[in-house]
Amino acid sequence: MKLRDYIDSLDSEALQAYAGRCKIAVNYLRLHVKYASKDPSVSLIKSLTRQSEGRVSLAEVLDHFGVTETKAA
């Protein structure tokens, strides 16, 4: 599942719990994580993956933030 879709699927209580498990504020999750407007730390990337309880893979989190390898043309 894509990270943005996962965040959108959470109700307000679950969103608050996810943000808490990731040790970030709900507003930071809604604005900066959901829209990938700031570069995340490695620890945040790991937390977003781990704390999604298997719903979002590390590859999907990396892709969400544009931290994936691109092939040379």
N, C-alpha and C. Protein backbone atom coordinates (compact mmCIF):
# COMPACT_ATOMS: atom_id res chain seq x y z
N MET A 1 0.84 -1.18 0.00
CA MET A 1 0.00 0.00 0.00
C MET A 1 0.89 1.24 0.00
N LYS A 2 0.48 2.22 -0.76
CA LYS A 2 1.24 3.47 -0.77
C LYS A 2 1.07 4.20 0.56
N LEU A 3 2.11 4.91 0.98
CA LEU A 3 2.08 5.61 2.26
C LEU A 3 0.94 6.61 2.32
N ARG A 4 0.73 7.38 1.29
CA ARG A 4 -0.35 8.37 1.29
C ARG A 4 -1.72 7.69 1.43
N ASP A 5 -1.90 6.56 0.76
CA ASP A 5 -3.16 5.82 0.87
C ASP A 5 -3.34 5.28 2.28
N TYR A 6 -2.26 4.81 2.89
CA TYR A 6 -2.33 4.33 4.26
C TYR A 6 -2.75 5.45 5.21
N ILE A 7 -2.11 6.60 5.08
CA ILE A 7 -2.44 7.74 5.94
C ILE A 7 -3.91 8.14 5.74
N ASP A 8 -4.36 8.17 4.49
CA ASP A 8 -5.75 8.53 4.19
C ASP A 8 -6.75 7.51 4.75
N SER A 9 -6.32 6.26 4.90
CA SER A 9 -7.22 5.21 5.38
C SER A 9 -7.45 5.26 6.89
N LEU A 10 -6.63 6.03 7.60
CA LEU A 10 -6.70 6.07 9.06
C LEU A 10 -7.74 7.08 9.54
N ASP A 11 -8.55 6.68 10.53
CA ASP A 11 -9.44 7.65 11.14
C ASP A 11 -8.62 8.51 12.09
N SER A 12 -9.21 9.52 12.69
CA SER A 12 -8.42 10.47 13.49
C SER A 12 -7.72 9.80 14.67
N GLU A 13 -8.37 8.82 15.30
CA GLU A 13 -7.74 8.13 16.43
C GLU A 13 -6.55 7.28 15.97
N ALA A 14 -6.73 6.56 14.87
CA ALA A 14 -5.65 5.73 14.34
C ALA A 14 -4.50 6.59 13.82
N LEU A 15 -4.83 7.73 13.24
CA LEU A 15 -3.81 8.66 12.75
C LEU A 15 -2.97 9.18 13.91
N GLN A 16 -3.63 9.53 14.99
CA GLN A 16 -2.92 10.01 16.17
C GLN A 16 -2.03 8.91 16.75
N ALA A 17 -2.53 7.69 16.77
CA ALA A 17 -1.76 6.56 17.30
C ALA A 17 -0.53 6.30 16.41
N TYR A 18 -0.71 6.33 15.10
CA TYR A 18 0.41 6.11 14.16
C TYR A 18 1.46 7.19 14.33
N ALA A 19 1.05 8.44 14.40
CA ALA A 19 1.99 9.54 14.60
C ALA A 19 2.74 9.36 15.92
N GLY A 20 2.02 8.98 16.95
CA GLY A 20 2.65 8.75 18.25
C GLY A 20 3.68 7.64 18.21
N ARG A 21 3.34 6.55 17.54
CA ARG A 21 4.30 5.44 17.41
C ARG A 21 5.53 5.86 16.63
N CYS A 22 5.35 6.78 15.67
CA CYS A 22 6.47 7.28 14.86
C CYS A 22 7.20 8.43 15.55
N LYS A 23 6.68 8.86 16.71
CA LYS A 23 7.26 9.95 17.49
C LYS A 23 7.29 11.29 16.74
N ILE A 24 6.18 11.54 16.03
CA ILE A 24 6.00 12.82 15.34
C ILE A 24 4.61 13.36 15.65
N ALA A 25 4.40 14.64 15.42
CA ALA A 25 3.10 15.27 15.64
C ALA A 25 2.14 14.89 14.50
N VAL A 26 0.87 14.83 14.82
CA VAL A 26 -0.14 14.52 13.81
C VAL A 26 -0.08 15.53 12.66
N ASN A 27 0.07 16.81 12.99
CA ASN A 27 0.14 17.82 11.93
C ASN A 27 1.34 17.61 11.02
N TYR A 28 2.47 17.19 11.58
CA TYR A 28 3.66 16.91 10.77
C TYR A 28 3.36 15.73 9.84
N LEU A 29 2.68 14.73 10.37
CA LEU A 29 2.32 13.57 9.55
C LEU A 29 1.38 13.98 8.42
N ARG A 30 0.37 14.77 8.74
CA ARG A 30 -0.62 15.20 7.74
C ARG A 30 -0.02 16.09 6.66
N LEU A 31 0.87 16.98 7.05
CA LEU A 31 1.40 17.96 6.09
C LEU A 31 2.69 17.52 5.43
N HIS A 32 3.70 17.25 6.23
CA HIS A 32 5.03 17.02 5.67
C HIS A 32 5.27 15.58 5.22
N VAL A 33 4.73 14.64 5.96
CA VAL A 33 4.92 13.24 5.55
C VAL A 33 3.98 12.90 4.41
N LYS A 34 2.70 13.17 4.57
CA LYS A 34 1.72 12.80 3.54
C LYS A 34 2.06 13.40 2.18
N TYR A 35 2.52 14.63 2.16
CA TYR A 35 2.82 15.30 0.88
C TYR A 35 4.31 15.33 0.56
N ALA A 36 5.11 14.63 1.35
CA ALA A 36 6.56 14.52 1.13
C ALA A 36 7.19 15.89 0.90
N SER A 37 6.80 16.86 1.75
CA SER A 37 7.28 18.22 1.56
C SER A 37 8.61 18.49 2.25
N LYS A 38 9.06 17.57 3.10
CA LYS A 38 10.36 17.71 3.75
C LYS A 38 11.09 16.38 3.65
N ASP A 39 12.40 16.44 3.56
CA ASP A 39 13.19 15.22 3.51
C ASP A 39 13.19 14.56 4.89
N PRO A 40 12.81 13.29 4.96
CA PRO A 40 12.74 12.60 6.25
C PRO A 40 14.11 12.08 6.68
N SER A 41 14.26 11.89 7.97
CA SER A 41 15.47 11.26 8.49
C SER A 41 15.37 9.75 8.24
N VAL A 42 16.49 9.09 8.32
CA VAL A 42 16.50 7.64 8.17
C VAL A 42 15.64 6.99 9.25
N SER A 43 15.74 7.50 10.48
CA SER A 43 14.95 6.92 11.56
C SER A 43 13.45 7.11 11.33
N LEU A 44 13.04 8.22 10.75
CA LEU A 44 11.62 8.43 10.46
C LEU A 44 11.17 7.47 9.35
N ILE A 45 11.98 7.29 8.34
CA ILE A 45 11.64 6.35 7.26
C ILE A 45 11.42 4.96 7.84
N LYS A 46 12.32 4.54 8.72
CA LYS A 46 12.19 3.22 9.35
C LYS A 46 10.93 3.15 10.20
N SER A 47 10.66 4.20 10.97
CA SER A 47 9.48 4.22 11.83
C SER A 47 8.19 4.18 11.02
N LEU A 48 8.12 4.95 9.95
CA LEU A 48 6.92 4.96 9.12
C LEU A 48 6.63 3.57 8.57
N THR A 49 7.69 2.85 8.22
CA THR A 49 7.53 1.49 7.72
C THR A 49 7.13 0.55 8.84
N ARG A 50 7.91 0.52 9.89
CA ARG A 50 7.71 -0.41 11.00
C ARG A 50 6.36 -0.19 11.68
N GLN A 51 6.01 1.06 11.93
CA GLN A 51 4.81 1.37 12.69
C GLN A 51 3.53 1.25 11.87
N SER A 52 3.64 1.03 10.58
CA SER A 52 2.45 0.79 9.76
C SER A 52 1.98 -0.66 9.92
N GLU A 53 2.71 -1.43 10.71
CA GLU A 53 2.34 -2.81 11.03
C GLU A 53 2.16 -3.66 9.78
N GLY A 54 3.11 -3.51 8.85
CA GLY A 54 3.11 -4.33 7.65
C GLY A 54 2.27 -3.82 6.50
N ARG A 55 1.61 -2.71 6.68
CA ARG A 55 0.74 -2.20 5.61
C ARG A 55 1.52 -1.44 4.54
N VAL A 56 2.66 -0.84 4.93
CA VAL A 56 3.47 -0.06 3.99
C VAL A 56 4.90 -0.61 4.05
N SER A 57 5.44 -0.96 2.90
CA SER A 57 6.79 -1.51 2.86
C SER A 57 7.84 -0.40 2.85
N LEU A 58 9.07 -0.78 3.16
CA LEU A 58 10.17 0.18 3.11
C LEU A 58 10.32 0.74 1.69
N ALA A 59 10.20 -0.11 0.69
CA ALA A 59 10.32 0.35 -0.70
C ALA A 59 9.25 1.40 -1.02
N GLU A 60 8.04 1.21 -0.49
CA GLU A 60 6.96 2.16 -0.75
C GLU A 60 7.21 3.49 -0.05
N VAL A 61 7.76 3.44 1.16
CA VAL A 61 8.09 4.68 1.87
C VAL A 61 9.20 5.41 1.12
N LEU A 62 10.22 4.69 0.71
CA LEU A 62 11.32 5.32 -0.04
C LEU A 62 10.81 5.92 -1.34
N ASP A 63 9.94 5.21 -2.04
CA ASP A 63 9.37 5.72 -3.29
C ASP A 63 8.54 6.97 -3.03
N HIS A 64 7.78 6.98 -1.94
CA HIS A 64 6.95 8.13 -1.59
C HIS A 64 7.79 9.41 -1.46
N PHE A 65 8.97 9.27 -0.88
CA PHE A 65 9.85 10.43 -0.68
C PHE A 65 10.83 10.63 -1.83
N GLY A 66 10.73 9.81 -2.87
CA GLY A 66 11.61 9.96 -4.03
C GLY A 66 13.03 9.53 -3.77
N VAL A 67 13.20 8.58 -2.85
CA VAL A 67 14.53 8.09 -2.49
C VAL A 67 14.72 6.71 -3.11
N THR A 68 14.58 6.64 -4.42
CA THR A 68 14.76 5.39 -5.11
C THR A 68 15.76 5.58 -6.23
N GLU A 69 16.39 4.49 -6.59
CA GLU A 69 17.36 4.58 -7.68
C GLU A 69 16.62 4.71 -9.00
N THR A 70 17.20 5.52 -9.85
CA THR A 70 16.66 5.62 -11.20
C THR A 70 17.70 5.08 -12.15
N LYS A 71 17.25 4.39 -13.16
CA LYS A 71 18.17 3.82 -14.14
C LYS A 71 18.64 4.90 -15.09
N ALA A 72 19.91 4.82 -15.47
CA ALA A 72 20.45 5.76 -16.44
C ALA A 72 19.86 5.46 -17.81
N ALA A 73 19.56 6.49 -18.55
CA ALA A 73 18.95 6.29 -19.87
C ALA A 73 19.99 5.94 -20.90
